[in-house]
Amino acid sequence: MTKKIFLFAFLILGFSSIAQKAQKIGFVDLEYILENIPEYMEAQSKINTKAITWQNDIEQQQKEIEALRVALNNEKALLTKALIEEKEEDIQIMELDLKNLQIAHFGTNGDLFFLRQQLVKPVQDIVYNAIQDIASKRKFDFVMDKSSSLLMLYTNKEFDISELVLNSITRSKKVDALKEKQNRKETNVESNIENEDTINAQNNNEALQEKIDDRETKKEALKNKIEEQRAEKLKKREEQKKAIEEKRQQRIKEIEAAKKAQKEKKQNN
């Protein structure tokens, strides 16, 4: 349905352009462009590695919780109602901790989102700026991405600016590298050759890193709080057990004393 709507809109646009003026449309293959930028592929590799590590941690915790559930089901017949409720409560706490961990890593504003902002977005901005620059110079009215879900009935290689975008990015890198080398020779101080854009990018990265660190601190605080609550409950349980045992021992002593007194009374009689 969406493709039909787009095709209809495209045809309307075509008829309108004939009536007014010819529209110049170019296209790019964003997927091809990004795959040929080493910085983007390196960033994706780092993101994938981190995501796999986080997912493995989550799956490991899920296995531990499932193992506790299985063990509880097997032991229920031998446990008191109070012990069953305690173990179920412990499992619920672990499940809540796991849910918070999943949100922290893969939520809408989770660690994965900030990592993408930090590593991928700068490269995407470079690509988009290069596309806009070429489109402006060549006077394109529209530039479409053929690697997206956009319906492309026909494409003429003459209007494919993907290679132009890659060449533009490569030239920009070489020019920047040359300028950096010249500035280094002139100032002889490497730390002073960073331009304003680089400083801003570093500041943005530091801000994002601070957010990630703050998120990690909050997660650690939550984990510590849960552990403290669990330790407090265990302490209370032990105190209750100790009090019950002391009462039991005291009762045994009283019974033994009563028996002994009764025996001595009979002997005296």
Protein backbone atom coordinates (compact mmCIF):
# COMPACT_ATOMS: atom_id res chain seq x y z
CA MET A 1 0.00 0.00 0.00
CA THR A 2 2.83 2.38 0.93
CA LYS A 3 4.61 1.68 -2.37
CA LYS A 4 1.44 2.46 -4.33
CA ILE A 5 1.01 5.75 -2.49
CA PHE A 6 4.61 6.69 -3.16
CA LEU A 7 4.33 5.75 -6.84
CA PHE A 8 1.19 7.88 -7.16
CA ALA A 9 2.95 10.81 -5.47
CA PHE A 10 5.96 10.32 -7.74
CA LEU A 11 3.77 10.41 -10.85
CA ILE A 12 1.97 13.54 -9.62
CA LEU A 13 5.35 15.14 -9.02
CA GLY A 14 6.45 14.16 -12.53
CA PHE A 15 3.39 15.65 -14.19
CA SER A 16 3.72 18.79 -12.10
CA SER A 17 7.36 19.16 -13.08
CA ILE A 18 6.48 18.89 -16.77
CA ALA A 19 3.95 21.64 -16.34
CA GLN A 20 6.39 23.90 -14.53
CA LYS A 21 10.05 22.95 -15.02
CA ALA A 22 12.20 19.84 -15.24
CA GLN A 23 13.18 18.48 -11.81
CA LYS A 24 16.75 17.23 -11.45
CA ILE A 25 16.85 14.16 -9.21
CA GLY A 26 19.97 12.33 -8.04
CA PHE A 27 20.41 9.30 -5.84
CA VAL A 28 22.99 7.70 -3.56
CA ASP A 29 23.57 4.29 -2.02
CA LEU A 30 24.11 5.20 1.64
CA GLU A 31 24.81 1.60 2.61
CA TYR A 32 27.57 1.37 -0.01
CA ILE A 33 29.06 4.71 1.05
CA LEU A 34 29.16 3.89 4.77
CA GLU A 35 30.62 0.43 4.16
CA ASN A 36 33.53 2.08 2.35
CA ILE A 37 34.35 4.47 5.20
CA PRO A 38 36.83 2.75 7.59
CA GLU A 39 35.81 4.94 10.55
CA TYR A 40 32.18 3.85 10.21
CA MET A 41 33.02 0.13 9.97
CA GLU A 42 35.33 0.43 12.98
CA ALA A 43 32.60 2.19 14.95
CA GLN A 44 30.05 -0.50 14.01
CA SER A 45 32.50 -3.20 15.09
CA LYS A 46 32.95 -1.57 18.50
CA ILE A 47 29.20 -1.17 18.94
CA ASN A 48 28.51 -4.80 17.96
CA THR A 49 31.20 -6.08 20.34
CA LYS A 50 29.80 -4.06 23.22
CA ALA A 51 26.20 -5.09 22.45
CA ILE A 52 27.17 -8.78 22.35
CA THR A 53 28.91 -8.45 25.73
CA TRP A 54 25.85 -6.81 27.28
CA GLN A 55 23.51 -9.41 25.76
CA ASN A 56 25.68 -12.26 27.06
CA ASP A 57 25.56 -10.78 30.57
CA ILE A 58 21.76 -10.54 30.38
CA GLU A 59 21.41 -14.11 29.09
CA GLN A 60 23.70 -15.39 31.87
CA GLN A 61 21.53 -13.72 34.52
CA GLN A 62 18.41 -15.15 32.86
CA LYS A 63 19.92 -18.63 33.11
CA GLU A 64 20.73 -18.12 36.80
CA ILE A 65 17.16 -17.01 37.54
CA GLU A 66 15.73 -19.97 35.62
CA ALA A 67 18.01 -22.34 37.53
CA LEU A 68 16.76 -20.90 40.84
CA ARG A 69 13.14 -21.36 39.71
CA VAL A 70 13.76 -24.99 38.75
CA ALA A 71 15.50 -25.66 42.08
CA LEU A 72 12.63 -24.06 44.00
CA ASN A 73 10.03 -26.16 42.16
CA ASN A 74 11.98 -29.31 42.98
CA GLU A 75 12.36 -28.40 46.67
CA LYS A 76 8.87 -27.02 47.38
CA ALA A 77 7.63 -30.28 48.89
CA LEU A 78 10.43 -30.13 51.50
CA LEU A 79 10.15 -26.42 52.39
CA THR A 80 7.86 -24.49 54.70
CA LYS A 81 5.53 -21.87 53.31
CA ALA A 82 7.71 -19.09 54.77
CA LEU A 83 10.86 -20.41 53.11
CA ILE A 84 9.07 -20.74 49.77
CA GLU A 85 7.89 -17.14 49.96
CA GLU A 86 11.41 -15.96 50.84
CA LYS A 87 12.96 -17.75 47.87
CA GLU A 88 10.26 -16.44 45.52
CA GLU A 89 10.92 -12.92 46.79
CA ASP A 90 14.65 -13.33 46.10
CA ILE A 91 13.87 -14.43 42.54
CA GLN A 92 11.56 -11.45 42.02
CA ILE A 93 14.33 -9.08 43.16
CA MET A 94 16.74 -10.67 40.68
CA GLU A 95 14.16 -10.37 37.88
CA LEU A 96 13.66 -6.67 38.66
CA ASP A 97 17.41 -6.15 38.64
CA LEU A 98 17.64 -7.90 35.26
CA LYS A 99 14.81 -5.79 33.78
CA ASN A 100 16.56 -2.59 34.91
CA LEU A 101 19.78 -3.84 33.35
CA GLN A 102 18.06 -4.51 30.01
CA ILE A 103 16.57 -1.01 29.98
CA ALA A 104 19.89 0.56 30.93
CA HIS A 105 21.70 -1.16 28.05
CA PHE A 106 19.09 -1.38 25.27
CA GLY A 107 16.37 1.08 26.28
CA THR A 108 15.32 4.16 24.29
CA ASN A 109 17.98 6.28 25.99
CA GLY A 110 20.21 3.39 27.01
CA ASP A 111 23.92 2.79 26.74
CA LEU A 112 23.62 1.51 23.15
CA PHE A 113 21.91 4.73 22.05
CA PHE A 114 24.62 6.92 23.59
CA LEU A 115 27.36 4.73 22.14
CA ARG A 116 25.88 5.13 18.64
CA GLN A 117 25.66 8.90 19.19
CA GLN A 118 29.28 8.94 20.22
CA LEU A 119 30.76 6.73 17.49
CA VAL A 120 28.45 6.65 14.45
CA LYS A 121 26.73 10.03 14.27
CA PRO A 122 29.93 12.04 13.52
CA VAL A 123 30.58 9.85 10.45
CA GLN A 124 26.95 10.12 9.31
CA ASP A 125 27.14 13.91 9.61
CA ILE A 126 30.21 13.96 7.36
CA VAL A 127 28.35 11.89 4.72
CA TYR A 128 25.21 14.04 4.84
CA ASN A 129 27.25 17.24 4.56
CA ALA A 130 29.08 15.85 1.52
CA ILE A 131 25.77 14.89 -0.13
CA GLN A 132 24.32 18.35 0.47
CA ASP A 133 27.45 20.01 -0.91
CA ILE A 134 27.45 17.95 -4.13
CA ALA A 135 23.67 18.30 -4.57
CA SER A 136 23.98 22.07 -4.23
CA LYS A 137 26.88 22.33 -6.71
CA ARG A 138 25.16 20.10 -9.28
CA LYS A 139 21.79 21.80 -8.70
CA PHE A 140 19.85 18.65 -7.80
CA ASP A 141 16.29 19.28 -6.62
CA PHE A 142 16.10 15.92 -4.82
CA VAL A 143 18.61 13.27 -3.71
CA MET A 144 17.17 9.85 -2.79
CA ASP A 145 18.72 6.85 -1.06
CA LYS A 146 18.31 3.70 -3.14
CA SER A 147 19.50 1.44 -0.29
CA SER A 148 16.46 2.37 1.81
CA SER A 149 12.90 1.06 1.51
CA LEU A 150 12.17 3.83 -0.99
CA LEU A 151 10.64 2.53 -4.21
CA MET A 152 13.06 3.04 -7.12
CA LEU A 153 11.50 1.94 -10.39
CA TYR A 154 14.51 2.97 -12.48
CA THR A 155 17.89 4.56 -11.78
CA ASN A 156 20.30 6.07 -14.27
CA LYS A 157 23.96 5.73 -13.28
CA GLU A 158 24.50 9.22 -14.62
CA PHE A 159 22.66 10.57 -11.59
CA ASP A 160 24.29 8.24 -9.03
CA ILE A 161 26.53 10.48 -6.90
CA SER A 162 27.65 7.76 -4.46
CA GLU A 163 31.24 7.71 -5.81
CA LEU A 164 31.31 11.50 -5.84
CA VAL A 165 30.37 11.53 -2.16
CA LEU A 166 33.08 9.00 -1.30
CA ASN A 167 35.68 10.92 -3.32
CA SER A 168 34.64 14.16 -1.63
CA ILE A 169 35.06 12.62 1.83
CA THR A 170 38.44 11.15 0.87
CA ARG A 171 39.65 14.50 -0.48
CA SER A 172 38.48 16.25 2.66
CA LYS A 173 40.44 13.78 4.78
CA LYS A 174 43.58 14.35 2.71
CA VAL A 175 43.20 18.12 2.88
CA ASP A 176 42.63 17.97 6.63
CA ALA A 177 45.64 15.71 7.06
CA LEU A 178 47.82 18.05 4.99
CA LYS A 179 46.66 21.09 6.95
CA GLU A 180 47.32 19.26 10.18
CA LYS A 181 50.84 18.36 9.06
CA GLN A 182 51.59 21.94 8.02
CA ASN A 183 50.26 23.34 11.27
CA ARG A 184 52.34 20.85 13.22
CA LYS A 185 55.49 21.97 11.42
CA GLU A 186 54.70 25.64 11.99
CA THR A 187 53.76 25.43 15.66
CA ASN A 188 55.75 22.30 16.58
CA VAL A 189 53.12 21.64 19.20
CA GLU A 190 50.75 18.81 18.36
CA SER A 191 48.22 19.73 21.04
CA ASN A 192 47.61 23.15 19.44
CA ILE A 193 46.56 21.95 16.00
CA GLU A 194 43.02 20.92 16.95
CA ASN A 195 40.45 23.11 15.24
CA GLU A 196 37.19 24.32 16.73
CA ASP A 197 35.15 21.48 15.22
CA THR A 198 37.43 18.86 16.80
CA ILE A 199 37.22 20.56 20.19
CA ASN A 200 33.43 20.68 19.98
CA ALA A 201 33.34 17.01 18.99
CA GLN A 202 35.55 16.12 21.96
CA ASN A 203 33.35 18.13 24.31
CA ASN A 204 30.28 16.35 22.98
CA ASN A 205 31.99 12.98 23.43
CA GLU A 206 32.98 13.88 26.98
CA ALA A 207 29.41 14.93 27.77
CA LEU A 208 28.08 11.65 26.36
CA GLN A 209 30.71 9.70 28.31
CA GLU A 210 29.69 11.52 31.50
CA LYS A 211 26.09 10.45 30.91
CA ILE A 212 27.19 6.85 30.41
CA ASP A 213 29.36 7.00 33.56
CA ASP A 214 26.47 8.51 35.53
CA ARG A 215 24.19 5.73 34.30
CA GLU A 216 26.75 3.14 35.39
CA THR A 217 26.98 4.79 38.84
CA LYS A 218 23.20 4.68 39.24
CA LYS A 219 23.10 1.03 38.21
CA GLU A 220 25.84 0.21 40.74
CA ALA A 221 23.96 2.12 43.46
CA LEU A 222 20.76 0.18 42.64
CA LYS A 223 22.66 -3.10 42.77
CA ASN A 224 24.22 -2.18 46.14
CA LYS A 225 20.81 -1.19 47.52
CA ILE A 226 19.33 -4.53 46.48
CA GLU A 227 22.26 -6.37 48.06
CA GLU A 228 21.85 -4.39 51.29
CA GLN A 229 18.13 -5.19 51.42
CA ARG A 230 18.88 -8.86 50.81
CA ALA A 231 21.57 -8.88 53.52
CA GLU A 232 19.22 -7.17 55.98
CA LYS A 233 16.51 -9.77 55.32
CA LEU A 234 19.00 -12.61 55.79
CA LYS A 235 20.16 -11.03 59.05
CA LYS A 236 16.60 -10.80 60.36
CA ARG A 237 15.94 -14.41 59.36
CA GLU A 238 19.03 -15.57 61.25
CA GLU A 239 18.03 -13.54 64.30
CA GLN A 240 14.54 -15.04 64.22
CA LYS A 241 15.94 -18.55 63.88
CA LYS A 242 18.35 -17.91 66.75
CA ALA A 243 15.56 -16.60 69.00
CA ILE A 244 13.36 -19.60 68.18
CA GLU A 245 16.25 -21.99 68.90
CA GLU A 246 16.98 -20.26 72.22
CA LYS A 247 13.34 -20.57 73.25
CA ARG A 248 13.35 -24.22 72.26
CA GLN A 249 16.48 -24.93 74.30
CA GLN A 250 15.03 -23.03 77.27
CA ARG A 251 11.83 -25.06 77.03
CA ILE A 252 13.83 -28.30 76.90
CA LYS A 253 15.73 -27.25 80.03
CA GLU A 254 12.49 -26.42 81.83
CA ILE A 255 10.99 -29.79 80.91
CA GLU A 256 14.16 -31.62 82.05
CA ALA A 257 14.19 -29.67 85.30
CA ALA A 258 10.52 -30.49 85.94
CA LYS A 259 11.15 -34.18 85.26
CA LYS A 260 14.16 -34.18 87.57
CA ALA A 261 12.23 -32.45 90.35
CA GLN A 262 9.35 -34.91 90.02
CA LYS A 263 11.77 -37.86 90.14
CA GLU A 264 13.48 -36.53 93.25
CA LYS A 265 10.09 -36.00 94.92
CA LYS A 266 9.12 -39.61 94.28
CA GLN A 267 12.44 -40.84 95.69
CA ASN A 268 12.02 -38.76 98.85
CA ASN A 269 8.53 -40.13 99.37
